N, C-alpha and C. Protein backbone atom coordinates (compact mmCIF):
# COMPACT_ATOMS: atom_id res chain seq x y z
N MET A 1 -18.80 -34.10 37.86
CA MET A 1 -19.31 -34.25 36.50
C MET A 1 -19.83 -32.92 35.98
N LYS A 2 -20.50 -32.16 36.87
CA LYS A 2 -21.02 -30.86 36.47
C LYS A 2 -19.87 -29.93 36.07
N VAL A 3 -18.77 -29.98 36.79
CA VAL A 3 -17.62 -29.12 36.51
C VAL A 3 -17.03 -29.47 35.15
N VAL A 4 -16.94 -30.73 34.85
CA VAL A 4 -16.41 -31.16 33.56
C VAL A 4 -17.31 -30.68 32.44
N ARG A 5 -18.61 -30.79 32.64
CA ARG A 5 -19.58 -30.35 31.63
C ARG A 5 -19.45 -28.83 31.41
N ILE A 6 -19.34 -28.07 32.48
CA ILE A 6 -19.21 -26.60 32.37
C ILE A 6 -17.90 -26.24 31.68
N ALA A 7 -16.81 -26.94 32.06
CA ALA A 7 -15.52 -26.69 31.42
C ALA A 7 -15.60 -27.00 29.93
N TYR A 8 -16.27 -28.08 29.57
CA TYR A 8 -16.42 -28.46 28.18
C TYR A 8 -17.22 -27.39 27.42
N ILE A 9 -18.28 -26.91 28.01
CA ILE A 9 -19.11 -25.87 27.37
C ILE A 9 -18.29 -24.59 27.19
N LEU A 10 -17.52 -24.21 28.20
CA LEU A 10 -16.68 -23.02 28.09
C LEU A 10 -15.62 -23.18 27.00
N LEU A 11 -15.04 -24.35 26.93
CA LEU A 11 -14.04 -24.62 25.90
C LEU A 11 -14.67 -24.52 24.51
N MET A 12 -15.85 -25.08 24.35
CA MET A 12 -16.55 -25.00 23.06
C MET A 12 -16.87 -23.55 22.70
N LEU A 13 -17.31 -22.77 23.66
CA LEU A 13 -17.60 -21.36 23.41
C LEU A 13 -16.34 -20.62 22.98
N LEU A 14 -15.24 -20.90 23.64
CA LEU A 14 -13.97 -20.28 23.26
C LEU A 14 -13.58 -20.65 21.84
N LEU A 15 -13.74 -21.89 21.48
CA LEU A 15 -13.41 -22.33 20.13
C LEU A 15 -14.31 -21.68 19.09
N VAL A 16 -15.58 -21.59 19.38
CA VAL A 16 -16.52 -20.96 18.46
C VAL A 16 -16.19 -19.48 18.30
N CYS A 17 -15.93 -18.80 19.40
CA CYS A 17 -15.57 -17.38 19.34
C CYS A 17 -14.27 -17.19 18.58
N SER A 18 -13.31 -18.08 18.85
CA SER A 18 -12.02 -18.00 18.18
C SER A 18 -12.20 -18.18 16.68
N CYS A 19 -12.96 -19.18 16.28
CA CYS A 19 -13.18 -19.44 14.85
C CYS A 19 -13.89 -18.27 14.19
N SER A 20 -14.84 -17.67 14.86
CA SER A 20 -15.55 -16.56 14.25
C SER A 20 -14.65 -15.35 14.11
N ARG A 21 -13.70 -15.18 15.05
CA ARG A 21 -12.78 -14.05 14.96
C ARG A 21 -11.87 -14.22 13.75
N GLU A 22 -11.34 -15.43 13.53
CA GLU A 22 -10.49 -15.68 12.38
C GLU A 22 -11.27 -15.46 11.08
N GLY A 23 -12.50 -15.96 11.07
CA GLY A 23 -13.35 -15.77 9.89
C GLY A 23 -13.64 -14.31 9.63
N SER A 24 -13.82 -13.55 10.69
CA SER A 24 -14.07 -12.11 10.58
C SER A 24 -12.86 -11.39 10.00
N VAL A 25 -11.67 -11.77 10.46
CA VAL A 25 -10.45 -11.14 9.95
C VAL A 25 -10.28 -11.44 8.47
N ILE A 26 -10.49 -12.67 8.08
CA ILE A 26 -10.37 -13.04 6.67
C ILE A 26 -11.41 -12.30 5.84
N SER A 27 -12.61 -12.20 6.36
CA SER A 27 -13.67 -11.48 5.67
C SER A 27 -13.30 -10.00 5.52
N ASP A 28 -12.71 -9.41 6.55
CA ASP A 28 -12.29 -8.01 6.47
C ASP A 28 -11.19 -7.82 5.43
N TYR A 29 -10.24 -8.76 5.36
CA TYR A 29 -9.20 -8.69 4.32
C TYR A 29 -9.82 -8.82 2.93
N ARG A 30 -10.78 -9.73 2.81
CA ARG A 30 -11.46 -9.93 1.52
C ARG A 30 -12.16 -8.63 1.10
N SER A 31 -12.83 -7.98 2.04
CA SER A 31 -13.51 -6.72 1.75
C SER A 31 -12.52 -5.63 1.33
N LEU A 32 -11.39 -5.56 2.04
CA LEU A 32 -10.38 -4.57 1.70
C LEU A 32 -9.83 -4.82 0.30
N ALA A 33 -9.55 -6.06 -0.02
CA ALA A 33 -9.02 -6.40 -1.35
C ALA A 33 -10.02 -6.02 -2.44
N LYS A 34 -11.30 -6.30 -2.21
CA LYS A 34 -12.33 -5.93 -3.19
C LYS A 34 -12.43 -4.42 -3.32
N GLU A 35 -12.37 -3.72 -2.20
CA GLU A 35 -12.43 -2.25 -2.21
C GLU A 35 -11.25 -1.67 -3.00
N LEU A 36 -10.06 -2.22 -2.76
CA LEU A 36 -8.87 -1.73 -3.47
C LEU A 36 -8.97 -2.01 -4.96
N LYS A 37 -9.45 -3.19 -5.31
CA LYS A 37 -9.60 -3.54 -6.72
C LYS A 37 -10.54 -2.57 -7.43
N ALA A 38 -11.63 -2.24 -6.76
CA ALA A 38 -12.65 -1.40 -7.38
C ALA A 38 -12.28 0.09 -7.40
N ASN A 39 -11.57 0.57 -6.38
CA ASN A 39 -11.42 2.02 -6.22
C ASN A 39 -10.01 2.56 -6.14
N SER A 40 -9.01 1.71 -5.97
CA SER A 40 -7.67 2.22 -5.67
C SER A 40 -7.08 3.12 -6.74
N SER A 41 -7.48 2.94 -7.97
CA SER A 41 -6.92 3.78 -9.04
C SER A 41 -7.36 5.24 -8.91
N ASP A 42 -8.42 5.49 -8.14
CA ASP A 42 -8.91 6.86 -7.96
C ASP A 42 -8.64 7.43 -6.58
N TYR A 43 -7.85 6.74 -5.76
CA TYR A 43 -7.62 7.18 -4.38
C TYR A 43 -6.73 8.41 -4.31
N SER A 44 -7.07 9.27 -3.37
CA SER A 44 -6.24 10.43 -3.05
C SER A 44 -5.22 10.00 -2.00
N ALA A 45 -4.32 10.90 -1.66
CA ALA A 45 -3.33 10.61 -0.61
C ALA A 45 -4.04 10.33 0.72
N GLU A 46 -5.10 11.07 0.99
CA GLU A 46 -5.86 10.86 2.23
C GLU A 46 -6.53 9.48 2.23
N ASP A 47 -7.06 9.08 1.09
CA ASP A 47 -7.66 7.75 0.97
C ASP A 47 -6.62 6.67 1.28
N TRP A 48 -5.40 6.85 0.74
CA TRP A 48 -4.36 5.86 0.98
C TRP A 48 -3.93 5.83 2.44
N ASP A 49 -3.92 6.99 3.09
CA ASP A 49 -3.64 7.02 4.52
C ASP A 49 -4.66 6.19 5.28
N ASN A 50 -5.92 6.33 4.89
CA ASN A 50 -6.99 5.55 5.54
C ASN A 50 -6.82 4.05 5.28
N VAL A 51 -6.44 3.70 4.07
CA VAL A 51 -6.23 2.29 3.72
C VAL A 51 -5.09 1.71 4.55
N VAL A 52 -4.00 2.45 4.66
CA VAL A 52 -2.85 1.97 5.43
C VAL A 52 -3.24 1.78 6.89
N GLU A 53 -4.01 2.71 7.43
CA GLU A 53 -4.47 2.59 8.81
C GLU A 53 -5.37 1.36 8.99
N LYS A 54 -6.26 1.17 8.03
CA LYS A 54 -7.15 -0.01 8.07
C LYS A 54 -6.34 -1.30 7.99
N TYR A 55 -5.34 -1.31 7.12
CA TYR A 55 -4.49 -2.49 6.95
C TYR A 55 -3.73 -2.79 8.25
N LYS A 56 -3.21 -1.76 8.89
CA LYS A 56 -2.49 -1.95 10.16
C LYS A 56 -3.41 -2.56 11.22
N LYS A 57 -4.64 -2.07 11.28
CA LYS A 57 -5.60 -2.61 12.25
C LYS A 57 -5.90 -4.08 11.95
N LEU A 58 -6.05 -4.40 10.68
CA LEU A 58 -6.29 -5.79 10.30
C LEU A 58 -5.11 -6.68 10.68
N GLU A 59 -3.91 -6.19 10.43
CA GLU A 59 -2.72 -6.96 10.79
C GLU A 59 -2.65 -7.19 12.30
N ASN A 60 -3.03 -6.17 13.05
CA ASN A 60 -3.04 -6.29 14.51
C ASN A 60 -4.06 -7.35 14.95
N LYS A 61 -5.25 -7.30 14.36
CA LYS A 61 -6.26 -8.32 14.68
C LYS A 61 -5.80 -9.71 14.29
N ALA A 62 -5.18 -9.81 13.12
CA ALA A 62 -4.73 -11.11 12.62
C ALA A 62 -3.63 -11.70 13.52
N SER A 63 -2.81 -10.83 14.08
CA SER A 63 -1.71 -11.33 14.91
C SER A 63 -2.20 -11.98 16.20
N ARG A 64 -3.45 -11.71 16.57
CA ARG A 64 -4.02 -12.29 17.79
C ARG A 64 -4.85 -13.54 17.51
N CYS A 65 -4.88 -13.95 16.26
CA CYS A 65 -5.69 -15.11 15.87
C CYS A 65 -4.81 -16.33 15.65
N HIS A 66 -5.46 -17.48 15.69
CA HIS A 66 -4.80 -18.76 15.40
C HIS A 66 -5.50 -19.37 14.20
N PHE A 67 -4.87 -19.25 13.05
CA PHE A 67 -5.48 -19.70 11.81
C PHE A 67 -5.10 -21.13 11.49
N SER A 68 -6.03 -21.83 10.88
CA SER A 68 -5.73 -23.16 10.36
C SER A 68 -4.84 -22.98 9.12
N PRO A 69 -4.20 -24.03 8.67
CA PRO A 69 -3.37 -23.92 7.45
C PRO A 69 -4.17 -23.39 6.25
N LYS A 70 -5.39 -23.85 6.12
CA LYS A 70 -6.24 -23.38 5.01
C LYS A 70 -6.55 -21.88 5.16
N GLU A 71 -6.84 -21.47 6.39
CA GLU A 71 -7.12 -20.04 6.63
C GLU A 71 -5.88 -19.19 6.40
N LYS A 72 -4.71 -19.69 6.83
CA LYS A 72 -3.46 -18.96 6.61
C LYS A 72 -3.21 -18.75 5.12
N LYS A 73 -3.46 -19.79 4.35
CA LYS A 73 -3.25 -19.70 2.90
C LYS A 73 -4.15 -18.62 2.30
N GLU A 74 -5.42 -18.62 2.69
CA GLU A 74 -6.36 -17.62 2.18
C GLU A 74 -5.97 -16.22 2.66
N LEU A 75 -5.61 -16.11 3.92
CA LEU A 75 -5.21 -14.82 4.47
C LEU A 75 -4.00 -14.27 3.72
N ASN A 76 -3.01 -15.09 3.50
CA ASN A 76 -1.81 -14.64 2.79
C ASN A 76 -2.11 -14.30 1.33
N ARG A 77 -3.02 -15.02 0.71
CA ARG A 77 -3.43 -14.70 -0.66
C ARG A 77 -4.07 -13.31 -0.70
N LEU A 78 -4.93 -13.03 0.26
CA LEU A 78 -5.59 -11.72 0.33
C LEU A 78 -4.59 -10.61 0.66
N ARG A 79 -3.65 -10.90 1.55
CA ARG A 79 -2.59 -9.93 1.85
C ARG A 79 -1.82 -9.59 0.58
N GLY A 80 -1.53 -10.61 -0.21
CA GLY A 80 -0.82 -10.41 -1.47
C GLY A 80 -1.60 -9.52 -2.42
N GLN A 81 -2.91 -9.72 -2.50
CA GLN A 81 -3.74 -8.87 -3.36
C GLN A 81 -3.68 -7.42 -2.89
N CYS A 82 -3.84 -7.21 -1.59
CA CYS A 82 -3.80 -5.85 -1.04
C CYS A 82 -2.45 -5.20 -1.34
N ALA A 83 -1.36 -5.95 -1.13
CA ALA A 83 -0.03 -5.41 -1.39
C ALA A 83 0.14 -5.05 -2.86
N ALA A 84 -0.39 -5.87 -3.74
CA ALA A 84 -0.27 -5.61 -5.18
C ALA A 84 -0.98 -4.32 -5.57
N TYR A 85 -2.19 -4.10 -5.04
CA TYR A 85 -2.91 -2.86 -5.35
C TYR A 85 -2.18 -1.65 -4.80
N MET A 86 -1.59 -1.79 -3.60
CA MET A 86 -0.81 -0.68 -3.02
C MET A 86 0.41 -0.39 -3.87
N LEU A 87 1.13 -1.44 -4.28
CA LEU A 87 2.32 -1.27 -5.11
C LEU A 87 1.98 -0.66 -6.46
N LYS A 88 0.89 -1.10 -7.04
CA LYS A 88 0.44 -0.58 -8.33
C LYS A 88 0.21 0.93 -8.24
N SER A 89 -0.42 1.37 -7.16
CA SER A 89 -0.68 2.79 -6.97
C SER A 89 0.61 3.57 -6.77
N ILE A 90 1.53 3.01 -5.98
CA ILE A 90 2.81 3.69 -5.73
C ILE A 90 3.59 3.87 -7.02
N THR A 91 3.63 2.83 -7.85
CA THR A 91 4.38 2.93 -9.11
C THR A 91 3.71 3.92 -10.06
N LYS A 92 2.41 3.97 -10.04
CA LYS A 92 1.68 4.93 -10.88
C LYS A 92 2.02 6.35 -10.45
N GLN A 93 2.03 6.60 -9.14
CA GLN A 93 2.36 7.93 -8.62
C GLN A 93 3.81 8.28 -8.93
N ALA A 94 4.71 7.31 -8.80
CA ALA A 94 6.12 7.55 -9.09
C ALA A 94 6.31 7.90 -10.56
N LYS A 95 5.58 7.23 -11.43
CA LYS A 95 5.68 7.50 -12.87
C LYS A 95 5.25 8.93 -13.18
N VAL A 96 4.16 9.37 -12.58
CA VAL A 96 3.67 10.73 -12.78
C VAL A 96 4.70 11.74 -12.28
N GLN A 97 5.27 11.48 -11.11
CA GLN A 97 6.27 12.39 -10.56
C GLN A 97 7.51 12.45 -11.43
N MET A 98 7.94 11.30 -11.96
CA MET A 98 9.11 11.28 -12.85
C MET A 98 8.82 12.04 -14.15
N GLU A 99 7.64 11.88 -14.70
CA GLU A 99 7.28 12.61 -15.91
C GLU A 99 7.28 14.10 -15.65
N ASP A 100 6.75 14.52 -14.50
CA ASP A 100 6.76 15.94 -14.14
C ASP A 100 8.18 16.46 -13.98
N ALA A 101 9.03 15.68 -13.33
CA ALA A 101 10.42 16.08 -13.13
C ALA A 101 11.15 16.21 -14.46
N MET A 102 10.92 15.27 -15.37
CA MET A 102 11.57 15.32 -16.69
C MET A 102 11.10 16.55 -17.47
N GLU A 103 9.83 16.86 -17.38
CA GLU A 103 9.31 18.05 -18.07
C GLU A 103 9.94 19.31 -17.49
N GLN A 104 10.05 19.38 -16.16
CA GLN A 104 10.68 20.55 -15.53
C GLN A 104 12.14 20.66 -15.95
N PHE A 105 12.85 19.55 -15.97
CA PHE A 105 14.25 19.56 -16.36
C PHE A 105 14.40 20.04 -17.80
N SER A 106 13.54 19.55 -18.68
CA SER A 106 13.60 19.94 -20.08
C SER A 106 13.37 21.44 -20.23
N ASP A 107 12.38 21.96 -19.51
CA ASP A 107 12.09 23.39 -19.56
C ASP A 107 13.25 24.21 -18.99
N MET A 108 13.86 23.73 -17.93
CA MET A 108 15.00 24.43 -17.34
C MET A 108 16.19 24.43 -18.29
N ALA A 109 16.43 23.31 -18.96
CA ALA A 109 17.54 23.21 -19.90
C ALA A 109 17.33 24.18 -21.06
N GLU A 110 16.10 24.28 -21.51
CA GLU A 110 15.78 25.22 -22.59
C GLU A 110 16.07 26.66 -22.15
N GLY A 111 15.63 27.01 -20.94
CA GLY A 111 15.88 28.35 -20.41
C GLY A 111 17.37 28.61 -20.21
N PHE A 112 18.09 27.61 -19.76
CA PHE A 112 19.53 27.72 -19.55
C PHE A 112 20.23 28.02 -20.86
N ASN A 113 19.88 27.26 -21.90
CA ASN A 113 20.48 27.47 -23.23
C ASN A 113 20.13 28.83 -23.79
N GLU A 114 18.90 29.29 -23.59
CA GLU A 114 18.50 30.62 -24.06
C GLU A 114 19.33 31.69 -23.38
N ALA A 115 19.56 31.53 -22.09
CA ALA A 115 20.30 32.54 -21.33
C ALA A 115 21.77 32.58 -21.75
N LEU A 116 22.34 31.46 -22.14
CA LEU A 116 23.74 31.43 -22.54
C LEU A 116 23.97 31.98 -23.95
N GLY A 117 22.94 31.98 -24.74
CA GLY A 117 23.06 32.51 -26.10
C GLY A 117 23.72 31.53 -27.05
N GLU A 118 24.22 32.07 -28.17
CA GLU A 118 24.78 31.23 -29.22
C GLU A 118 26.04 30.50 -28.80
N GLU A 119 26.84 31.12 -27.93
CA GLU A 119 28.09 30.49 -27.53
C GLU A 119 27.87 29.27 -26.64
N GLY A 120 26.71 29.19 -26.08
CA GLY A 120 26.39 28.07 -25.22
C GLY A 120 27.28 28.03 -23.99
N ILE A 121 27.52 26.88 -23.49
CA ILE A 121 28.29 26.74 -22.25
C ILE A 121 29.75 27.11 -22.46
N ASP A 122 30.23 27.00 -23.68
CA ASP A 122 31.63 27.38 -23.97
C ASP A 122 31.85 28.85 -23.70
N GLY A 123 30.82 29.65 -23.85
CA GLY A 123 30.95 31.09 -23.61
C GLY A 123 31.27 31.41 -22.15
N LEU A 124 30.99 30.51 -21.26
CA LEU A 124 31.31 30.73 -19.85
C LEU A 124 32.81 30.65 -19.60
N PHE A 125 33.52 29.93 -20.46
CA PHE A 125 34.94 29.66 -20.22
C PHE A 125 35.86 30.48 -21.12
N ASN A 126 35.30 31.26 -22.02
CA ASN A 126 36.12 32.09 -22.88
C ASN A 126 36.68 33.25 -22.06
N ASP A 127 37.94 33.52 -22.28
CA ASP A 127 38.57 34.63 -21.56
C ASP A 127 38.39 35.88 -22.42
N GLU A 128 37.60 36.81 -21.96
CA GLU A 128 37.29 38.02 -22.74
C GLU A 128 38.45 39.01 -22.75
N ASP A 129 39.44 38.83 -21.90
CA ASP A 129 40.57 39.75 -21.86
C ASP A 129 41.56 39.49 -22.98
N GLU A 130 41.52 38.38 -23.62
CA GLU A 130 42.49 38.05 -24.68
C GLU A 130 42.23 38.80 -25.92
């Protein structure tokens, strides 16, 4: 009887520890989502490296947990929020890079036309020996 009681107590402790671990992971995702919502628009490349590292660690912790259906739903909702903030930042950075590239191209085209003079590109193909 004592062995059964000890086994029962150990099982309960395992369940309590397990539940707190899942709750901790969800809480960590919630904190990350709130942090991204509040600050991601001002993050540097180094900040994003830190976020990605933090996200990887959270995913690793989550992979060792056993979530209830309700917890899985909340976890996936929070993952979606984190992914959205990351995607939003990536598209913002891509837009800035594209604008810079277009400006450089425009400036290069202007310089190219200046260098060719009035004849433009046709002047490259005119045979001067004729």
